[in-house]
Amino acid sequence: MALLKSGWLWRQTSVLRRWKLNWCDLWMDGSLCFYTTESRRSLEQRVSLKTLCMDVRSGLECGDVTPPESNPRENLVVVVLKDGSTVNMCANSEDESL
């Protein structure tokens, strides 16, 4: 399985809606994986984009999401899943959010 992109992203927790910094990997098979560290030892969440993703929004399309402090709205990426839940992410720069 080939790695397409990896790096640090802010991810909003589903229960308390707090922003948490996670190492993120996007794999060729459509898996989006979140880890506590860059070493990838502790998987926190895995989302199969090929089977679960309904929509992807970015930047100003994420109107109902407030980015973490000191990050502009342009850095936001929201993945809407088929069950209606979302995975809210924010990069440290607009380039990293692509």
PDB file of N, CA and C in Angstrom:
ATOM      1  N   MET A   1       0.853  -1.181   0.000  1.00  0.00           N
ATOM      2  CA  MET A   1       0.000   0.000   0.000  1.00  0.00           C
ATOM      3  C   MET A   1       0.897   1.241   0.000  1.00  0.00           C
ATOM      4  N   ALA A   2       0.646   2.153  -0.920  1.00  0.00           N
ATOM      5  CA  ALA A   2       1.489   3.340  -1.074  1.00  0.00           C
ATOM      6  C   ALA A   2       0.928   4.529  -0.288  1.00  0.00           C
ATOM      7  N   LEU A   3       1.835   5.266   0.296  1.00  0.00           N
ATOM      8  CA  LEU A   3       1.489   6.461   1.058  1.00  0.00           C
ATOM      9  C   LEU A   3       1.437   7.654   0.109  1.00  0.00           C
ATOM     10  N   LEU A   4       0.297   8.357   0.080  1.00  0.00           N
ATOM     11  CA  LEU A   4       0.143   9.524  -0.792  1.00  0.00           C
ATOM     12  C   LEU A   4       0.629  10.804  -0.136  1.00  0.00           C
ATOM     13  N   LYS A   5       0.262  10.983   1.126  1.00  0.00           N
ATOM     14  CA  LYS A   5       0.616  12.216   1.830  1.00  0.00           C
ATOM     15  C   LYS A   5       0.577  11.959   3.324  1.00  0.00           C
ATOM     16  N   SER A   6       1.479  12.615   4.047  1.00  0.00           N
ATOM     17  CA  SER A   6       1.463  12.504   5.501  1.00  0.00           C
ATOM     18  C   SER A   6       1.946  13.806   6.115  1.00  0.00           C
ATOM     19  N   GLY A   7       1.547  14.036   7.353  1.00  0.00           N
ATOM     20  CA  GLY A   7       1.970  15.238   8.058  1.00  0.00           C
ATOM     21  C   GLY A   7       1.077  15.519   9.243  1.00  0.00           C
ATOM     22  N   TRP A   8       1.396  16.598   9.943  1.00  0.00           N
ATOM     23  CA  TRP A   8       0.639  16.997  11.126  1.00  0.00           C
ATOM     24  C   TRP A   8      -0.615  17.760  10.723  1.00  0.00           C
ATOM     25  N   LEU A   9      -1.752  17.384  11.296  1.00  0.00           N
ATOM     26  CA  LEU A   9      -3.027  18.064  11.091  1.00  0.00           C
ATOM     27  C   LEU A   9      -3.723  18.218  12.435  1.00  0.00           C
ATOM     28  N   TRP A  10      -4.465  19.300  12.561  1.00  0.00           N
ATOM     29  CA  TRP A  10      -5.359  19.444  13.699  1.00  0.00           C
ATOM     30  C   TRP A  10      -6.630  18.671  13.364  1.00  0.00           C
ATOM     31  N   ARG A  11      -7.137  17.893  14.322  1.00  0.00           N
ATOM     32  CA  ARG A  11      -8.383  17.144  14.139  1.00  0.00           C
ATOM     33  C   ARG A  11      -9.297  17.463  15.307  1.00  0.00           C
ATOM     34  N   GLN A  12     -10.547  17.755  14.997  1.00  0.00           N
ATOM     35  CA  GLN A  12     -11.501  18.091  16.052  1.00  0.00           C
ATOM     36  C   GLN A  12     -12.098  16.804  16.619  1.00  0.00           C
ATOM     37  N   THR A  13     -12.043  16.657  17.945  1.00  0.00           N
ATOM     38  CA  THR A  13     -12.583  15.450  18.568  1.00  0.00           C
ATOM     39  C   THR A  13     -14.103  15.429  18.427  1.00  0.00           C
ATOM     40  N   SER A  14     -14.662  14.232  18.331  1.00  0.00           N
ATOM     41  CA  SER A  14     -16.093  14.101  18.060  1.00  0.00           C
ATOM     42  C   SER A  14     -16.968  14.398  19.274  1.00  0.00           C
ATOM     43  N   VAL A  15     -16.483  14.157  20.478  1.00  0.00           N
ATOM     44  CA  VAL A  15     -17.318  14.341  21.668  1.00  0.00           C
ATOM     45  C   VAL A  15     -17.230  15.765  22.215  1.00  0.00           C
ATOM     46  N   LEU A  16     -16.046  16.201  22.597  1.00  0.00           N
ATOM     47  CA  LEU A  16     -15.886  17.528  23.206  1.00  0.00           C
ATOM     48  C   LEU A  16     -15.597  18.633  22.194  1.00  0.00           C
ATOM     49  N   ARG A  17     -15.391  18.260  20.933  1.00  0.00           N
ATOM     50  CA  ARG A  17     -15.149  19.209  19.828  1.00  0.00           C
ATOM     51  C   ARG A  17     -13.902  20.059  20.060  1.00  0.00           C
ATOM     52  N   ARG A  18     -12.912  19.497  20.759  1.00  0.00           N
ATOM     53  CA  ARG A  18     -11.639  20.193  20.953  1.00  0.00           C
ATOM     54  C   ARG A  18     -10.695  19.837  19.816  1.00  0.00           C
ATOM     55  N   TRP A  19      -9.789  20.746  19.507  1.00  0.00           N
ATOM     56  CA  TRP A  19      -8.802  20.511  18.459  1.00  0.00           C
ATOM     57  C   TRP A  19      -7.583  19.821  19.052  1.00  0.00           C
ATOM     58  N   LYS A  20      -7.122  18.788  18.364  1.00  0.00           N
ATOM     59  CA  LYS A  20      -6.014  17.966  18.823  1.00  0.00           C
ATOM     60  C   LYS A  20      -5.061  17.751  17.647  1.00  0.00           C
ATOM     61  N   LEU A  21      -3.770  17.893  17.889  1.00  0.00           N
ATOM     62  CA  LEU A  21      -2.778  17.718  16.829  1.00  0.00           C
ATOM     63  C   LEU A  21      -2.477  16.229  16.652  1.00  0.00           C
ATOM     64  N   ASN A  22      -2.646  15.740  15.410  1.00  0.00           N
ATOM     65  CA  ASN A  22      -2.401  14.336  15.091  1.00  0.00           C
ATOM     66  C   ASN A  22      -1.502  14.209  13.870  1.00  0.00           C
ATOM     67  N   TRP A  23      -0.719  13.124  13.831  1.00  0.00           N
ATOM     68  CA  TRP A  23      -0.007  12.751  12.611  1.00  0.00           C
ATOM     69  C   TRP A  23      -1.037  12.072  11.717  1.00  0.00           C
ATOM     70  N   CYS A  24      -1.078  12.443  10.460  1.00  0.00           N
ATOM     71  CA  CYS A  24      -2.095  11.942   9.541  1.00  0.00           C
ATOM     72  C   CYS A  24      -1.432  11.322   8.317  1.00  0.00           C
ATOM     73  N   ASP A  25      -1.931  10.161   7.904  1.00  0.00           N
ATOM     74  CA  ASP A  25      -1.482   9.500   6.680  1.00  0.00           C
ATOM     75  C   ASP A  25      -2.669   9.316   5.753  1.00  0.00           C
ATOM     76  N   LEU A  26      -2.479   9.641   4.484  1.00  0.00           N
ATOM     77  CA  LEU A  26      -3.464   9.342   3.451  1.00  0.00           C
ATOM     78  C   LEU A  26      -2.845   8.285   2.545  1.00  0.00           C
ATOM     79  N   TRP A  27      -3.481   7.117   2.484  1.00  0.00           N
ATOM     80  CA  TRP A  27      -2.950   5.979   1.739  1.00  0.00           C
ATOM     81  C   TRP A  27      -3.651   5.830   0.395  1.00  0.00           C
ATOM     82  N   MET A  28      -2.980   5.186  -0.543  1.00  0.00           N
ATOM     83  CA  MET A  28      -3.486   4.980  -1.899  1.00  0.00           C
ATOM     84  C   MET A  28      -4.837   4.240  -1.910  1.00  0.00           C
ATOM     85  N   ASP A  29      -5.078   3.373  -0.932  1.00  0.00           N
ATOM     86  CA  ASP A  29      -6.340   2.624  -0.889  1.00  0.00           C
ATOM     87  C   ASP A  29      -7.506   3.457  -0.350  1.00  0.00           C
ATOM     88  N   GLY A  30      -7.263   4.735  -0.042  1.00  0.00           N
ATOM     89  CA  GLY A  30      -8.314   5.615   0.455  1.00  0.00           C
ATOM     90  C   GLY A  30      -8.414   5.675   1.964  1.00  0.00           C
ATOM     91  N   SER A  31      -7.487   5.051   2.666  1.00  0.00           N
ATOM     92  CA  SER A  31      -7.493   5.094   4.130  1.00  0.00           C
ATOM     93  C   SER A  31      -6.892   6.402   4.624  1.00  0.00           C
ATOM     94  N   LEU A  32      -7.602   7.040   5.537  1.00  0.00           N
ATOM     95  CA  LEU A  32      -7.123   8.237   6.209  1.00  0.00           C
ATOM     96  C   LEU A  32      -6.909   7.847   7.665  1.00  0.00           C
ATOM     97  N   CYS A  33      -5.649   7.861   8.111  1.00  0.00           N
ATOM     98  CA  CYS A  33      -5.291   7.360   9.443  1.00  0.00           C
ATOM     99  C   CYS A  33      -4.730   8.477  10.308  1.00  0.00           C
ATOM    100  N   PHE A  34      -5.158   8.495  11.566  1.00  0.00           N
ATOM    101  CA  PHE A  34      -4.696   9.486  12.532  1.00  0.00           C
ATOM    102  C   PHE A  34      -3.958   8.782  13.663  1.00  0.00           C
ATOM    103  N   TYR A  35      -2.780   9.301  14.002  1.00  0.00           N
ATOM    104  CA  TYR A  35      -1.936   8.733  15.048  1.00  0.00           C
ATOM    105  C   TYR A  35      -1.583   9.822  16.061  1.00  0.00           C
ATOM    106  N   THR A  36      -1.172   9.399  17.251  1.00  0.00           N
ATOM    107  CA  THR A  36      -0.759  10.362  18.272  1.00  0.00           C
ATOM    108  C   THR A  36       0.632  10.916  17.983  1.00  0.00           C
ATOM    109  N   THR A  37       1.483  10.119  17.323  1.00  0.00           N
ATOM    110  CA  THR A  37       2.847  10.560  17.019  1.00  0.00           C
ATOM    111  C   THR A  37       3.231  10.175  15.596  1.00  0.00           C
ATOM    112  N   GLU A  38       4.305  10.760  15.142  1.00  0.00           N
ATOM    113  CA  GLU A  38       4.830  10.493  13.809  1.00  0.00           C
ATOM    114  C   GLU A  38       5.318   9.045  13.657  1.00  0.00           C
ATOM    115  N   SER A  39       5.580   8.367  14.759  1.00  0.00           N
ATOM    116  CA  SER A  39       6.068   6.981  14.719  1.00  0.00           C
ATOM    117  C   SER A  39       4.981   5.984  14.299  1.00  0.00           C
ATOM    118  N   ARG A  40       3.721   6.416  14.279  1.00  0.00           N
ATOM    119  CA  ARG A  40       2.583   5.596  13.858  1.00  0.00           C
ATOM    120  C   ARG A  40       2.347   4.377  14.762  1.00  0.00           C
ATOM    121  N   ARG A  41       2.732   4.467  16.006  1.00  0.00           N
ATOM    122  CA  ARG A  41       2.566   3.330  16.924  1.00  0.00           C
ATOM    123  C   ARG A  41       1.159   3.236  17.498  1.00  0.00           C
ATOM    124  N   SER A  42       0.501   4.363  17.655  1.00  0.00           N
ATOM    125  CA  SER A  42      -0.817   4.364  18.289  1.00  0.00           C
ATOM    126  C   SER A  42      -1.862   4.959  17.339  1.00  0.00           C
ATOM    127  N   LEU A  43      -2.590   4.086  16.656  1.00  0.00           N
ATOM    128  CA  LEU A  43      -3.638   4.514  15.729  1.00  0.00           C
ATOM    129  C   LEU A  43      -4.842   5.005  16.527  1.00  0.00           C
ATOM    130  N   GLU A  44      -5.257   6.250  16.276  1.00  0.00           N
ATOM    131  CA  GLU A  44      -6.417   6.807  16.977  1.00  0.00           C
ATOM    132  C   GLU A  44      -7.700   6.637  16.182  1.00  0.00           C
ATOM    133  N   GLN A  45      -7.610   6.786  14.871  1.00  0.00           N
ATOM    134  CA  GLN A  45      -8.803   6.681  14.037  1.00  0.00           C
ATOM    135  C   GLN A  45      -8.377   6.322  12.624  1.00  0.00           C
ATOM    136  N   ARG A  46      -9.197   5.500  11.981  1.00  0.00           N
ATOM    137  CA  ARG A  46      -8.982   5.172  10.569  1.00  0.00           C
ATOM    138  C   ARG A  46     -10.313   5.337   9.860  1.00  0.00           C
ATOM    139  N   VAL A  47     -10.297   6.083   8.757  1.00  0.00           N
ATOM    140  CA  VAL A  47     -11.499   6.328   7.976  1.00  0.00           C
ATOM    141  C   VAL A  47     -11.240   5.823   6.565  1.00  0.00           C
ATOM    142  N   SER A  48     -12.121   4.964   6.072  1.00  0.00           N
ATOM    143  CA  SER A  48     -12.013   4.481   4.699  1.00  0.00           C
ATOM    144  C   SER A  48     -12.774   5.445   3.795  1.00  0.00           C
ATOM    145  N   LEU A  49     -12.043   6.330   3.143  1.00  0.00           N
ATOM    146  CA  LEU A  49     -12.685   7.343   2.301  1.00  0.00           C
ATOM    147  C   LEU A  49     -13.420   6.716   1.119  1.00  0.00           C
ATOM    148  N   LYS A  50     -12.899   5.620   0.570  1.00  0.00           N
ATOM    149  CA  LYS A  50     -13.536   4.977  -0.587  1.00  0.00           C
ATOM    150  C   LYS A  50     -14.924   4.450  -0.260  1.00  0.00           C
ATOM    151  N   THR A  51     -15.127   3.978   0.950  1.00  0.00           N
ATOM    152  CA  THR A  51     -16.426   3.393   1.289  1.00  0.00           C
ATOM    153  C   THR A  51     -17.309   4.306   2.136  1.00  0.00           C
ATOM    154  N   LEU A  52     -16.733   5.225   2.900  1.00  0.00           N
ATOM    155  CA  LEU A  52     -17.517   6.020   3.848  1.00  0.00           C
ATOM    156  C   LEU A  52     -17.719   7.483   3.471  1.00  0.00           C
ATOM    157  N   CYS A  53     -16.886   8.025   2.584  1.00  0.00           N
ATOM    158  CA  CYS A  53     -16.923   9.459   2.275  1.00  0.00           C
ATOM    159  C   CYS A  53     -18.085   9.815   1.350  1.00  0.00           C
ATOM    160  N   MET A  54     -18.824  10.841   1.741  1.00  0.00           N
ATOM    161  CA  MET A  54     -19.914  11.341   0.921  1.00  0.00           C
ATOM    162  C   MET A  54     -19.558  12.684   0.274  1.00  0.00           C
ATOM    163  N   ASP A  55     -18.757  13.498   0.985  1.00  0.00           N
ATOM    164  CA  ASP A  55     -18.415  14.829   0.487  1.00  0.00           C
ATOM    165  C   ASP A  55     -17.144  15.308   1.185  1.00  0.00           C
ATOM    166  N   VAL A  56     -16.410  16.182   0.502  1.00  0.00           N
ATOM    167  CA  VAL A  56     -15.238  16.833   1.089  1.00  0.00           C
ATOM    168  C   VAL A  56     -15.394  18.328   0.873  1.00  0.00           C
ATOM    169  N   ARG A  57     -15.254  19.088   1.952  1.00  0.00           N
ATOM    170  CA  ARG A  57     -15.354  20.551   1.882  1.00  0.00           C
ATOM    171  C   ARG A  57     -14.035  21.146   2.346  1.00  0.00           C
ATOM    172  N   SER A  58     -13.729  22.313   1.815  1.00  0.00           N
ATOM    173  CA  SER A  58     -12.488  22.964   2.246  1.00  0.00           C
ATOM    174  C   SER A  58     -12.684  24.470   2.348  1.00  0.00           C
ATOM    175  N   GLY A  59     -11.834  25.076   3.162  1.00  0.00           N
ATOM    176  CA  GLY A  59     -11.813  26.530   3.295  1.00  0.00           C
ATOM    177  C   GLY A  59     -13.149  27.124   3.683  1.00  0.00           C
ATOM    178  N   LEU A  60     -13.604  28.069   2.892  1.00  0.00           N
ATOM    179  CA  LEU A  60     -14.830  28.805   3.196  1.00  0.00           C
ATOM    180  C   LEU A  60     -16.085  27.949   3.086  1.00  0.00           C
ATOM    181  N   GLU A  61     -15.994  26.760   2.473  1.00  0.00           N
ATOM    182  CA  GLU A  61     -17.133  25.839   2.406  1.00  0.00           C
ATOM    183  C   GLU A  61     -17.441  25.220   3.773  1.00  0.00           C
ATOM    184  N   CYS A  62     -16.529  25.376   4.719  1.00  0.00           N
ATOM    185  CA  CYS A  62     -16.675  24.803   6.067  1.00  0.00           C
ATOM    186  C   CYS A  62     -17.261  25.838   7.010  1.00  0.00           C
ATOM    187  N   GLY A  63     -18.334  26.478   6.609  1.00  0.00           N
ATOM    188  CA  GLY A  63     -18.896  27.606   7.334  1.00  0.00           C
ATOM    189  C   GLY A  63     -19.267  27.362   8.777  1.00  0.00           C
ATOM    190  N   ASP A  64     -19.686  26.141   9.130  1.00  0.00           N
ATOM    191  CA  ASP A  64     -20.129  25.877  10.498  1.00  0.00           C
ATOM    192  C   ASP A  64     -19.011  25.384  11.413  1.00  0.00           C
ATOM    193  N   VAL A  65     -17.780  25.318  10.916  1.00  0.00           N
ATOM    194  CA  VAL A  65     -16.643  24.840  11.711  1.00  0.00           C
ATOM    195  C   VAL A  65     -15.734  26.020  12.050  1.00  0.00           C
ATOM    196  N   THR A  66     -15.397  26.155  13.322  1.00  0.00           N
ATOM    197  CA  THR A  66     -14.468  27.193  13.767  1.00  0.00           C
ATOM    198  C   THR A  66     -13.076  26.586  13.853  1.00  0.00           C
ATOM    199  N   PRO A  67     -12.107  27.140  13.120  1.00  0.00           N
ATOM    200  CA  PRO A  67     -10.755  26.560  13.143  1.00  0.00           C
ATOM    201  C   PRO A  67     -10.079  26.760  14.497  1.00  0.00           C
ATOM    202  N   PRO A  68      -9.026  25.980  14.764  1.00  0.00           N
ATOM    203  CA  PRO A  68      -8.288  26.186  16.011  1.00  0.00           C
ATOM    204  C   PRO A  68      -7.680  27.584  16.050  1.00  0.00           C
ATOM    205  N   GLU A  69      -7.414  28.049  17.250  1.00  0.00           N
ATOM    206  CA  GLU A  69      -6.865  29.390  17.444  1.00  0.00           C
ATOM    207  C   GLU A  69      -5.632  29.611  16.579  1.00  0.00           C
ATOM    208  N   SER A  70      -5.536  30.770  15.989  1.00  0.00           N
ATOM    209  CA  SER A  70      -4.436  31.235  15.133  1.00  0.00           C
ATOM    210  C   SER A  70      -4.374  30.549  13.771  1.00  0.00           C
ATOM    211  N   ASN A  71      -5.413  29.808  13.394  1.00  0.00           N
ATOM    212  CA  ASN A  71      -5.482  29.215  12.059  1.00  0.00           C
ATOM    213  C   ASN A  71      -6.655  29.822  11.300  1.00  0.00           C
ATOM    214  N   PRO A  72      -6.446  30.238  10.059  1.00  0.00           N
ATOM    215  CA  PRO A  72      -7.547  30.813   9.284  1.00  0.00           C
ATOM    216  C   PRO A  72      -8.477  29.726   8.741  1.00  0.00           C
ATOM    217  N   ARG A  73      -9.673  30.117   8.422  1.00  0.00           N
ATOM    218  CA  ARG A  73     -10.690  29.216   7.873  1.00  0.00           C
ATOM    219  C   ARG A  73     -10.226  28.546   6.573  1.00  0.00           C
ATOM    220  N   GLU A  74      -9.349  29.198   5.823  1.00  0.00           N
ATOM    221  CA  GLU A  74      -8.859  28.644   4.554  1.00  0.00           C
ATOM    222  C   GLU A  74      -8.096  27.333   4.737  1.00  0.00           C
ATOM    223  N   ASN A  75      -7.642  27.039   5.949  1.00  0.00           N
ATOM    224  CA  ASN A  75      -6.873  25.821   6.215  1.00  0.00           C
ATOM    225  C   ASN A  75      -7.751  24.629   6.596  1.00  0.00           C
ATOM    226  N   LEU A  76      -9.059  24.825   6.670  1.00  0.00           N
ATOM    227  CA  LEU A  76      -9.973  23.759   7.087  1.00  0.00           C
ATOM    228  C   LEU A  76     -10.261  22.766   5.968  1.00  0.00           C
ATOM    229  N   VAL A  77     -10.446  21.503   6.354  1.00  0.00           N
ATOM    230  CA  VAL A  77     -10.929  20.443   5.470  1.00  0.00           C
ATOM    231  C   VAL A  77     -11.923  19.624   6.285  1.00  0.00           C
ATOM    232  N   VAL A  78     -13.121  19.419   5.736  1.00  0.00           N
ATOM    233  CA  VAL A  78     -14.145  18.628   6.410  1.00  0.00           C
ATOM    234  C   VAL A  78     -14.540  17.474   5.497  1.00  0.00           C
ATOM    235  N   VAL A  79     -14.460  16.258   6.031  1.00  0.00           N
ATOM    236  CA  VAL A  79     -14.910  15.069   5.315  1.00  0.00           C
ATOM    237  C   VAL A  79     -16.266  14.689   5.896  1.00  0.00           C
ATOM    238  N   VAL A  80     -17.298  14.670   5.043  1.00  0.00           N
ATOM    239  CA  VAL A  80     -18.643  14.288   5.466  1.00  0.00           C
ATOM    240  C   VAL A  80     -18.819  12.806   5.151  1.00  0.00           C
ATOM    241  N   LEU A  81     -19.165  12.037   6.177  1.00  0.00           N
ATOM    242  CA  LEU A  81     -19.314  10.591   6.019  1.00  0.00           C
ATOM    243  C   LEU A  81     -20.771  10.216   5.748  1.00  0.00           C
ATOM    244  N   LYS A  82     -20.981   9.036   5.206  1.00  0.00           N
ATOM    245  CA  LYS A  82     -22.322   8.582   4.826  1.00  0.00           C
ATOM    246  C   LYS A  82     -23.295   8.529   5.991  1.00  0.00           C
ATOM    247  N   ASP A  83     -22.792   8.332   7.215  1.00  0.00           N
ATOM    248  CA  ASP A  83     -23.683   8.284   8.382  1.00  0.00           C
ATOM    249  C   ASP A  83     -24.044   9.677   8.911  1.00  0.00           C
ATOM    250  N   GLY A  84     -23.563  10.727   8.221  1.00  0.00           N
ATOM    251  CA  GLY A  84     -23.861  12.102   8.615  1.00  0.00           C
ATOM    252  C   GLY A  84     -22.825  12.729   9.527  1.00  0.00           C
ATOM    253  N   SER A  85     -21.913  11.931  10.053  1.00  0.00           N
ATOM    254  CA  SER A  85     -20.852  12.482  10.901  1.00  0.00           C
ATOM    255  C   SER A  85     -19.784  13.145  10.033  1.00  0.00           C
ATOM    256  N   THR A  86     -18.908  13.889  10.666  1.00  0.00           N
ATOM    257  CA  THR A  86     -17.848  14.585   9.936  1.00  0.00           C
ATOM    258  C   THR A  86     -16.498  14.331  10.589  1.00  0.00           C
ATOM    259  N   VAL A  87     -15.461  14.453   9.786  1.00  0.00           N
ATOM    260  CA  VAL A  87     -14.088  14.468  10.279  1.00  0.00           C
ATOM    261  C   VAL A  87     -13.576  15.864   9.960  1.00  0.00           C
ATOM    262  N   ASN A  88     -13.424  16.693  10.985  1.00  0.00           N
ATOM    263  CA  ASN A  88     -12.992  18.077  10.819  1.00  0.00           C
ATOM    264  C   ASN A  88     -11.493  18.171  11.041  1.00  0.00           C
ATOM    265  N   MET A  89     -10.791  18.726  10.054  1.00  0.00           N
ATOM    266  CA  MET A  89      -9.338  18.837  10.117  1.00  0.00           C
ATOM    267  C   MET A  89      -8.916  20.250   9.763  1.00  0.00           C
ATOM    268  N   CYS A  90      -7.742  20.623  10.235  1.00  0.00           N
ATOM    269  CA  CYS A  90      -7.189  21.929   9.914  1.00  0.00           C
ATOM    270  C   CYS A  90      -5.680  21.794   9.778  1.00  0.00           C
ATOM    271  N   ALA A  91      -5.153  22.278   8.674  1.00  0.00           N
ATOM    272  CA  ALA A  91      -3.713  22.244   8.436  1.00  0.00           C
ATOM    273  C   ALA A  91      -3.085  23.528   8.969  1.00  0.00           C
ATOM    274  N   ASN A  92      -1.772  23.522   9.085  1.00  0.00           N
ATOM    275  CA  ASN A  92      -1.066  24.709   9.563  1.00  0.00           C
ATOM    276  C   ASN A  92      -0.881  25.756   8.475  1.00  0.00           C
ATOM    277  N   SER A  93      -1.129  25.382   7.221  1.00  0.00           N
ATOM    278  CA  SER A  93      -1.082  26.344   6.122  1.00  0.00           C
ATOM    279  C   SER A  93      -2.083  25.910   5.057  1.00  0.00           C
ATOM    280  N   GLU A  94      -2.455  26.832   4.192  1.00  0.00           N
ATOM    281  CA  GLU A  94      -3.401  26.512   3.126  1.00  0.00           C
ATOM    282  C   GLU A  94      -2.811  25.475   2.174  1.00  0.00           C
ATOM    283  N   ASP A  95      -1.505  25.551   1.895  1.00  0.00           N
ATOM    284  CA  ASP A  95      -0.846  24.573   1.024  1.00  0.00           C
ATOM    285  C   ASP A  95      -0.916  23.168   1.603  1.00  0.00           C
ATOM    286  N   GLU A  96      -0.749  23.035   2.918  1.00  0.00           N
ATOM    287  CA  GLU A  96      -0.798  21.720   3.561  1.00  0.00           C
ATOM    288  C   GLU A  96      -2.203  21.133   3.565  1.00  0.00           C
ATOM    289  N   SER A  97      -3.211  21.957   3.393  1.00  0.00           N
ATOM    290  CA  SER A  97      -4.586  21.459   3.415  1.00  0.00           C
ATOM    291  C   SER A  97      -5.000  20.837   2.087  1.00  0.00           C
ATOM    292  N   LEU A  98      -4.171  20.957   1.070  1.00  0.00           N
ATOM    293  CA  LEU A  98      -4.502  20.384  -0.243  1.00  0.00           C
ATOM    294  C   LEU A  98      -4.155  18.931  -0.324  1.00  0.00           C
TER     295      LEU A  98
END
